[in-house]
Every structure is written in structure tokens, then in C-alpha cells.
Amino acid sequence: MSRVEIACFSEPGPAELAVEFLRRHGVAASIPAVYFPHRQGVPATRVYVKPAQAAKAVALFERVLAGEFADEDPTHSSSGGLGAALAEAILPAPGYRPPTVLEGFAPLIVIVVVVVAVVAGRAIFQFVTM
């Protein structure tokens, strides 16, 4: 029986939520039993569905990403509650903003500043002790 990959998650928790969410909406979804992250290069948990149900699965994920289930109770055992839990697991927090370019380079900038300070400090120390 052939399957198509419908989603890929970096952690198994959201992938399992996605599978259960899809199953409660009538889509036969699964995660492969054999998992070899070291062979794939990047650890990932993939979700597969039947080819005939791929369009429905994509539509359901689009609804989750659009926030359609965000106001529902994630602790409720209904399919809507699973949608809210899935949205909470995969969507960024409401106040989240991606880091700026400068913030992305901050660790590198700190390292360069520390190296320059150490070199300059040694040079000053050698000059003073001459």
C-alpha cells in the first residue's frame, strides 16, 4: 500500500498530535515504525497518508496554520481540541518575532569583541611592563 509524505516534524510529539488529529478527521495517517534519523542527516518524524487523502490532509493542515482551531480548548478530547493542541505545538507564540540579522550574528560579534579585547589587553600589558 503506497503512502505519501504529508508533513515532517523535527520532534515526534507534534507529529503524533498531527496523526491523531488527521485520524479524527477521517484521514488514515501514520508515522513509519522504522526511524533512522542518523541516515537522513536531519532528525525528522514524517507523517504519511494515503495518496487519495493527501488533499484533505493538506486542507486540514492549512486550517490549523490559519488558526481556525486556536480558540478551541486543547484539553478537550474532540477533534477540534486536537487541532488547537496541534496549532499550539507547531505555531509560534503570539508575541514571537523572528530574530533580526544583527541578533542572529550576536554570538559571533561577542566572540570577535572578546578576542580583540584579549589581544589588545595583552598588547597594553606588554607595553606597560617594558
N, C-alpha and C. Protein backbone atom coordinates (compact mmCIF):
# COMPACT_ATOMS: atom_id res chain seq x y z
N MET A 1 0.85 -1.17 0.00
CA MET A 1 0.00 0.00 0.00
C MET A 1 0.90 1.24 0.00
N SER A 2 0.71 2.12 -0.97
CA SER A 2 1.57 3.29 -1.07
C SER A 2 1.09 4.41 -0.16
N ARG A 3 2.03 5.20 0.28
CA ARG A 3 1.76 6.34 1.15
C ARG A 3 2.55 7.52 0.62
N VAL A 4 2.07 8.72 0.89
CA VAL A 4 2.80 9.93 0.54
C VAL A 4 3.08 10.72 1.80
N GLU A 5 4.24 11.37 1.81
CA GLU A 5 4.61 12.19 2.97
C GLU A 5 3.80 13.48 2.91
N ILE A 6 3.15 13.79 4.01
CA ILE A 6 2.31 14.98 4.06
C ILE A 6 2.90 16.05 4.97
N ALA A 7 3.73 15.65 5.92
CA ALA A 7 4.34 16.61 6.85
C ALA A 7 5.61 16.01 7.43
N CYS A 8 6.48 16.89 7.89
CA CYS A 8 7.74 16.48 8.50
C CYS A 8 7.96 17.37 9.72
N PHE A 9 8.17 16.74 10.87
CA PHE A 9 8.34 17.47 12.12
C PHE A 9 9.72 17.19 12.69
N SER A 10 10.28 18.16 13.38
CA SER A 10 11.60 17.97 13.97
C SER A 10 11.53 17.17 15.27
N GLU A 11 10.32 17.05 15.84
CA GLU A 11 10.14 16.30 17.08
C GLU A 11 8.97 15.34 16.91
N PRO A 12 9.01 14.21 17.60
CA PRO A 12 7.91 13.24 17.44
C PRO A 12 6.59 13.67 18.07
N GLY A 13 6.62 14.51 19.11
CA GLY A 13 5.38 14.91 19.79
C GLY A 13 4.37 15.58 18.87
N PRO A 14 4.74 16.65 18.17
CA PRO A 14 3.80 17.28 17.24
C PRO A 14 3.38 16.35 16.10
N ALA A 15 4.28 15.47 15.68
CA ALA A 15 3.93 14.52 14.61
C ALA A 15 2.84 13.56 15.09
N GLU A 16 2.95 13.10 16.33
CA GLU A 16 1.92 12.21 16.87
C GLU A 16 0.59 12.94 17.03
N LEU A 17 0.63 14.21 17.44
CA LEU A 17 -0.59 15.01 17.51
C LEU A 17 -1.21 15.16 16.13
N ALA A 18 -0.37 15.40 15.12
CA ALA A 18 -0.86 15.56 13.76
C ALA A 18 -1.53 14.29 13.26
N VAL A 19 -0.92 13.14 13.54
CA VAL A 19 -1.51 11.86 13.12
C VAL A 19 -2.87 11.66 13.78
N GLU A 20 -2.95 11.90 15.06
CA GLU A 20 -4.22 11.71 15.76
C GLU A 20 -5.27 12.71 15.27
N PHE A 21 -4.86 13.95 15.03
CA PHE A 21 -5.77 14.97 14.50
C PHE A 21 -6.33 14.53 13.15
N LEU A 22 -5.44 14.07 12.27
CA LEU A 22 -5.89 13.63 10.94
C LEU A 22 -6.81 12.42 11.04
N ARG A 23 -6.48 11.48 11.91
CA ARG A 23 -7.31 10.29 12.08
C ARG A 23 -8.71 10.65 12.56
N ARG A 24 -8.80 11.61 13.48
CA ARG A 24 -10.12 12.02 13.98
C ARG A 24 -10.92 12.76 12.92
N HIS A 25 -10.25 13.22 11.88
CA HIS A 25 -10.95 13.87 10.77
C HIS A 25 -11.09 12.92 9.57
N GLY A 26 -10.92 11.65 9.78
CA GLY A 26 -11.17 10.66 8.74
C GLY A 26 -10.04 10.41 7.76
N VAL A 27 -8.83 10.85 8.10
CA VAL A 27 -7.67 10.63 7.22
C VAL A 27 -6.80 9.55 7.85
N ALA A 28 -6.49 8.51 7.09
CA ALA A 28 -5.66 7.42 7.59
C ALA A 28 -4.19 7.85 7.55
N ALA A 29 -3.72 8.41 8.65
CA ALA A 29 -2.34 8.90 8.73
C ALA A 29 -1.50 7.97 9.59
N SER A 30 -0.19 7.99 9.33
CA SER A 30 0.70 7.13 10.11
C SER A 30 2.10 7.71 10.14
N ILE A 31 2.86 7.24 11.12
CA ILE A 31 4.28 7.54 11.24
C ILE A 31 4.99 6.21 11.03
N PRO A 32 6.02 6.17 10.20
CA PRO A 32 6.70 4.88 9.98
C PRO A 32 7.27 4.32 11.27
N ALA A 33 7.19 3.01 11.40
CA ALA A 33 7.69 2.35 12.61
C ALA A 33 9.21 2.36 12.67
N VAL A 34 9.86 2.33 11.51
CA VAL A 34 11.32 2.33 11.45
C VAL A 34 11.78 3.77 11.33
N TYR A 35 12.65 4.18 12.22
CA TYR A 35 13.08 5.57 12.27
C TYR A 35 14.59 5.60 12.42
N PHE A 36 15.28 6.08 11.39
CA PHE A 36 16.73 6.17 11.41
C PHE A 36 17.17 7.61 11.14
N PRO A 37 17.13 8.49 12.15
CA PRO A 37 17.47 9.89 11.90
C PRO A 37 18.91 10.08 11.45
N HIS A 38 19.83 9.22 11.89
CA HIS A 38 21.23 9.40 11.52
C HIS A 38 21.46 9.12 10.03
N ARG A 39 20.58 8.37 9.40
CA ARG A 39 20.71 8.10 7.98
C ARG A 39 20.13 9.23 7.13
N GLN A 40 19.23 10.00 7.69
CA GLN A 40 18.58 11.07 6.94
C GLN A 40 19.36 12.38 7.05
N GLY A 41 20.32 12.46 7.91
CA GLY A 41 21.09 13.68 8.08
C GLY A 41 20.46 14.62 9.10
N VAL A 42 19.19 14.89 8.96
CA VAL A 42 18.48 15.77 9.88
C VAL A 42 17.39 14.95 10.55
N PRO A 43 17.38 14.91 11.89
CA PRO A 43 16.33 14.15 12.57
C PRO A 43 14.95 14.70 12.21
N ALA A 44 14.07 13.82 11.82
CA ALA A 44 12.73 14.26 11.44
C ALA A 44 11.76 13.11 11.64
N THR A 45 10.54 13.46 12.00
CA THR A 45 9.47 12.49 12.10
C THR A 45 8.48 12.83 11.00
N ARG A 46 8.29 11.90 10.09
CA ARG A 46 7.47 12.15 8.92
C ARG A 46 6.08 11.54 9.10
N VAL A 47 5.08 12.24 8.59
CA VAL A 47 3.69 11.79 8.65
C VAL A 47 3.27 11.43 7.23
N TYR A 48 2.71 10.23 7.09
CA TYR A 48 2.29 9.74 5.79
C TYR A 48 0.78 9.51 5.76
N VAL A 49 0.19 9.69 4.56
CA VAL A 49 -1.23 9.42 4.34
C VAL A 49 -1.38 8.69 3.01
N LYS A 50 -2.57 8.16 2.79
CA LYS A 50 -2.87 7.53 1.51
C LYS A 50 -2.93 8.62 0.45
N PRO A 51 -2.47 8.33 -0.77
CA PRO A 51 -2.49 9.36 -1.82
C PRO A 51 -3.87 9.97 -2.06
N ALA A 52 -4.91 9.17 -1.95
CA ALA A 52 -6.26 9.67 -2.19
C ALA A 52 -6.71 10.66 -1.12
N GLN A 53 -6.07 10.63 0.05
CA GLN A 53 -6.46 11.52 1.16
C GLN A 53 -5.49 12.68 1.36
N ALA A 54 -4.51 12.81 0.48
CA ALA A 54 -3.50 13.86 0.64
C ALA A 54 -4.10 15.26 0.57
N ALA A 55 -5.01 15.49 -0.35
CA ALA A 55 -5.61 16.82 -0.50
C ALA A 55 -6.40 17.19 0.76
N LYS A 56 -7.12 16.23 1.32
CA LYS A 56 -7.89 16.50 2.54
C LYS A 56 -6.95 16.81 3.69
N ALA A 57 -5.85 16.06 3.80
CA ALA A 57 -4.88 16.29 4.87
C ALA A 57 -4.24 17.67 4.74
N VAL A 58 -3.89 18.06 3.52
CA VAL A 58 -3.30 19.38 3.31
C VAL A 58 -4.29 20.47 3.69
N ALA A 59 -5.55 20.29 3.32
CA ALA A 59 -6.58 21.28 3.67
C ALA A 59 -6.74 21.39 5.18
N LEU A 60 -6.69 20.27 5.88
CA LEU A 60 -6.80 20.30 7.34
C LEU A 60 -5.61 21.03 7.97
N PHE A 61 -4.40 20.75 7.47
CA PHE A 61 -3.22 21.44 7.99
C PHE A 61 -3.28 22.94 7.71
N GLU A 62 -3.79 23.31 6.54
CA GLU A 62 -3.92 24.73 6.21
C GLU A 62 -4.89 25.42 7.18
N ARG A 63 -5.94 24.72 7.55
CA ARG A 63 -6.89 25.27 8.52
C ARG A 63 -6.22 25.44 9.89
N VAL A 64 -5.38 24.48 10.28
CA VAL A 64 -4.66 24.59 11.55
C VAL A 64 -3.71 25.79 11.50
N LEU A 65 -2.95 25.91 10.40
CA LEU A 65 -2.00 27.00 10.27
C LEU A 65 -2.68 28.36 10.19
N ALA A 66 -3.90 28.39 9.67
CA ALA A 66 -4.65 29.64 9.58
C ALA A 66 -5.21 30.05 10.94
N GLY A 67 -5.10 29.17 11.93
CA GLY A 67 -5.57 29.49 13.27
C GLY A 67 -7.04 29.19 13.50
N GLU A 68 -7.63 28.39 12.63
CA GLU A 68 -9.05 28.09 12.76
C GLU A 68 -9.39 27.38 14.07
N PHE A 69 -8.46 26.61 14.60
CA PHE A 69 -8.72 25.84 15.81
C PHE A 69 -8.13 26.49 17.06
N ALA A 70 -7.55 27.67 16.93
CA ALA A 70 -6.82 28.30 18.03
C ALA A 70 -7.69 28.61 19.24
N ASP A 71 -8.96 28.92 19.03
CA ASP A 71 -9.83 29.31 20.15
C ASP A 71 -10.48 28.12 20.84
N GLU A 72 -10.28 26.93 20.34
CA GLU A 72 -10.90 25.75 20.95
C GLU A 72 -10.04 25.24 22.10
N ASP A 73 -10.65 24.51 22.98
CA ASP A 73 -9.97 24.01 24.17
C ASP A 73 -9.06 22.84 23.82
N PRO A 74 -7.72 23.00 23.95
CA PRO A 74 -6.82 21.90 23.60
C PRO A 74 -6.90 20.71 24.54
N THR A 75 -7.50 20.88 25.72
CA THR A 75 -7.62 19.76 26.65
C THR A 75 -8.87 18.94 26.37
N HIS A 76 -9.75 19.45 25.52
CA HIS A 76 -10.98 18.74 25.19
C HIS A 76 -10.65 17.59 24.26
N SER A 77 -11.33 16.48 24.39
CA SER A 77 -10.97 15.29 23.62
C SER A 77 -11.59 15.26 22.23
N SER A 78 -12.24 16.33 21.80
CA SER A 78 -12.82 16.35 20.46
C SER A 78 -11.74 16.55 19.41
N SER A 79 -12.12 16.38 18.15
CA SER A 79 -11.15 16.60 17.08
C SER A 79 -10.72 18.06 17.04
N GLY A 80 -11.61 18.98 17.40
CA GLY A 80 -11.25 20.39 17.45
C GLY A 80 -10.24 20.68 18.53
N GLY A 81 -10.37 20.01 19.67
CA GLY A 81 -9.40 20.18 20.73
C GLY A 81 -8.02 19.73 20.31
N LEU A 82 -7.95 18.68 19.51
CA LEU A 82 -6.67 18.22 18.99
C LEU A 82 -6.09 19.24 18.02
N GLY A 83 -6.95 19.88 17.25
CA GLY A 83 -6.48 20.91 16.32
C GLY A 83 -5.84 22.07 17.06
N ALA A 84 -6.44 22.46 18.18
CA ALA A 84 -5.88 23.55 18.99
C ALA A 84 -4.55 23.13 19.59
N ALA A 85 -4.46 21.90 20.07
CA ALA A 85 -3.20 21.40 20.64
C ALA A 85 -2.12 21.33 19.56
N LEU A 86 -2.50 20.90 18.36
CA LEU A 86 -1.54 20.84 17.26
C LEU A 86 -1.08 22.23 16.88
N ALA A 87 -2.01 23.18 16.80
CA ALA A 87 -1.65 24.56 16.48
C ALA A 87 -0.70 25.12 17.53
N GLU A 88 -0.97 24.82 18.78
CA GLU A 88 -0.12 25.30 19.87
C GLU A 88 1.28 24.70 19.76
N ALA A 89 1.36 23.45 19.30
CA ALA A 89 2.65 22.77 19.20
C ALA A 89 3.48 23.24 18.01
N ILE A 90 2.83 23.62 16.92
CA ILE A 90 3.61 23.93 15.71
C ILE A 90 3.67 25.40 15.34
N LEU A 91 2.74 26.20 15.86
CA LEU A 91 2.75 27.62 15.52
C LEU A 91 3.57 28.40 16.53
N PRO A 92 4.20 29.49 16.10
CA PRO A 92 4.95 30.30 17.07
C PRO A 92 4.01 30.98 18.05
N ALA A 93 4.53 31.33 19.20
CA ALA A 93 3.74 32.03 20.21
C ALA A 93 3.25 33.35 19.64
N PRO A 94 2.12 33.87 20.13
CA PRO A 94 1.56 35.10 19.56
C PRO A 94 2.53 36.28 19.55
N GLY A 95 3.36 36.43 20.53
CA GLY A 95 4.30 37.54 20.58
C GLY A 95 5.62 37.26 19.88
N TYR A 96 5.76 36.11 19.25
CA TYR A 96 7.03 35.72 18.63
C TYR A 96 7.32 36.57 17.40
N ARG A 97 8.57 36.96 17.27
CA ARG A 97 9.03 37.58 16.04
C ARG A 97 10.37 36.94 15.71
N PRO A 98 10.62 36.70 14.45
CA PRO A 98 11.91 36.08 14.11
C PRO A 98 13.06 37.03 14.45
N PRO A 99 14.22 36.48 14.78
CA PRO A 99 15.35 37.35 15.12
C PRO A 99 15.80 38.18 13.92
N THR A 100 16.29 39.37 14.20
CA THR A 100 16.83 40.22 13.14
C THR A 100 18.18 39.66 12.71
N VAL A 101 18.71 40.18 11.64
CA VAL A 101 20.02 39.73 11.15
C VAL A 101 21.08 40.00 12.21
N LEU A 102 21.03 41.18 12.82
CA LEU A 102 22.00 41.53 13.84
C LEU A 102 21.91 40.58 15.04
N GLU A 103 20.70 40.25 15.46
CA GLU A 103 20.52 39.31 16.57
C GLU A 103 21.05 37.92 16.20
N GLY A 104 20.93 37.57 14.95
CA GLY A 104 21.46 36.27 14.50
C GLY A 104 22.97 36.21 14.58
N PHE A 105 23.63 37.35 14.35
CA PHE A 105 25.09 37.39 14.39
C PHE A 105 25.63 37.75 15.77
N ALA A 106 24.77 37.96 16.75
CA ALA A 106 25.20 38.39 18.08
C ALA A 106 26.28 37.48 18.69
N PRO A 107 26.13 36.15 18.66
CA PRO A 107 27.19 35.31 19.26
C PRO A 107 28.54 35.51 18.57
N LEU A 108 28.54 35.64 17.26
CA LEU A 108 29.79 35.85 16.53
C LEU A 108 30.40 37.20 16.89
N ILE A 109 29.57 38.22 17.01
CA ILE A 109 30.05 39.55 17.38
C ILE A 109 30.68 39.53 18.76
N VAL A 110 30.05 38.83 19.70
CA VAL A 110 30.59 38.74 21.06
C VAL A 110 31.95 38.05 21.05
N ILE A 111 32.08 36.99 20.28
CA ILE A 111 33.36 36.26 20.21
C ILE A 111 34.44 37.17 19.65
N VAL A 112 34.14 37.89 18.58
CA VAL A 112 35.14 38.80 17.99
C VAL A 112 35.54 39.88 18.98
N VAL A 113 34.58 40.46 19.68
CA VAL A 113 34.88 41.50 20.66
C VAL A 113 35.76 40.95 21.77
N VAL A 114 35.49 39.77 22.26
CA VAL A 114 36.30 39.17 23.33
C VAL A 114 37.72 38.91 22.83
N VAL A 115 37.87 38.39 21.63
CA VAL A 115 39.21 38.12 21.09
C VAL A 115 39.98 39.42 20.93
N VAL A 116 39.35 40.45 20.40
CA VAL A 116 40.01 41.75 20.24
C VAL A 116 40.40 42.31 21.60
N ALA A 117 39.53 42.19 22.59
CA ALA A 117 39.83 42.71 23.93
C ALA A 117 41.01 41.97 24.55
N VAL A 118 41.07 40.66 24.37
CA VAL A 118 42.19 39.88 24.93
C VAL A 118 43.49 40.27 24.26
N VAL A 119 43.49 40.37 22.93
CA VAL A 119 44.70 40.73 22.20
C VAL A 119 45.14 42.15 22.58
N ALA A 120 44.21 43.08 22.63
CA ALA A 120 44.55 44.45 22.99
C ALA A 120 45.05 44.51 24.44
N GLY A 121 44.45 43.76 25.33
CA GLY A 121 44.87 43.73 26.73
C GLY A 121 46.29 43.20 26.87
N ARG A 122 46.62 42.18 26.12
CA ARG A 122 47.98 41.63 26.16
C ARG A 122 48.98 42.64 25.62
N ALA A 123 48.60 43.32 24.53
CA ALA A 123 49.49 44.31 23.94
C ALA A 123 49.73 45.47 24.92
N ILE A 124 48.70 45.93 25.57
CA ILE A 124 48.83 47.00 26.55
C ILE A 124 49.69 46.55 27.73
N PHE A 125 49.46 45.32 28.20
CA PHE A 125 50.23 44.79 29.32
C PHE A 125 51.71 44.70 28.97
N GLN A 126 52.02 44.22 27.76
CA GLN A 126 53.43 44.13 27.33
C GLN A 126 54.05 45.51 27.20
N PHE A 127 53.29 46.48 26.72
CA PHE A 127 53.81 47.85 26.56
C PHE A 127 54.11 48.46 27.92
N VAL A 128 53.21 48.25 28.89
CA VAL A 128 53.38 48.84 30.22
C VAL A 128 54.53 48.17 30.97
N THR A 129 54.75 46.89 30.81
CA THR A 129 55.81 46.18 31.55
C THR A 129 57.17 46.28 30.91
N MET A 130 57.32 46.96 29.80
CA MET A 130 58.63 47.12 29.16
C MET A 130 59.50 48.06 29.91
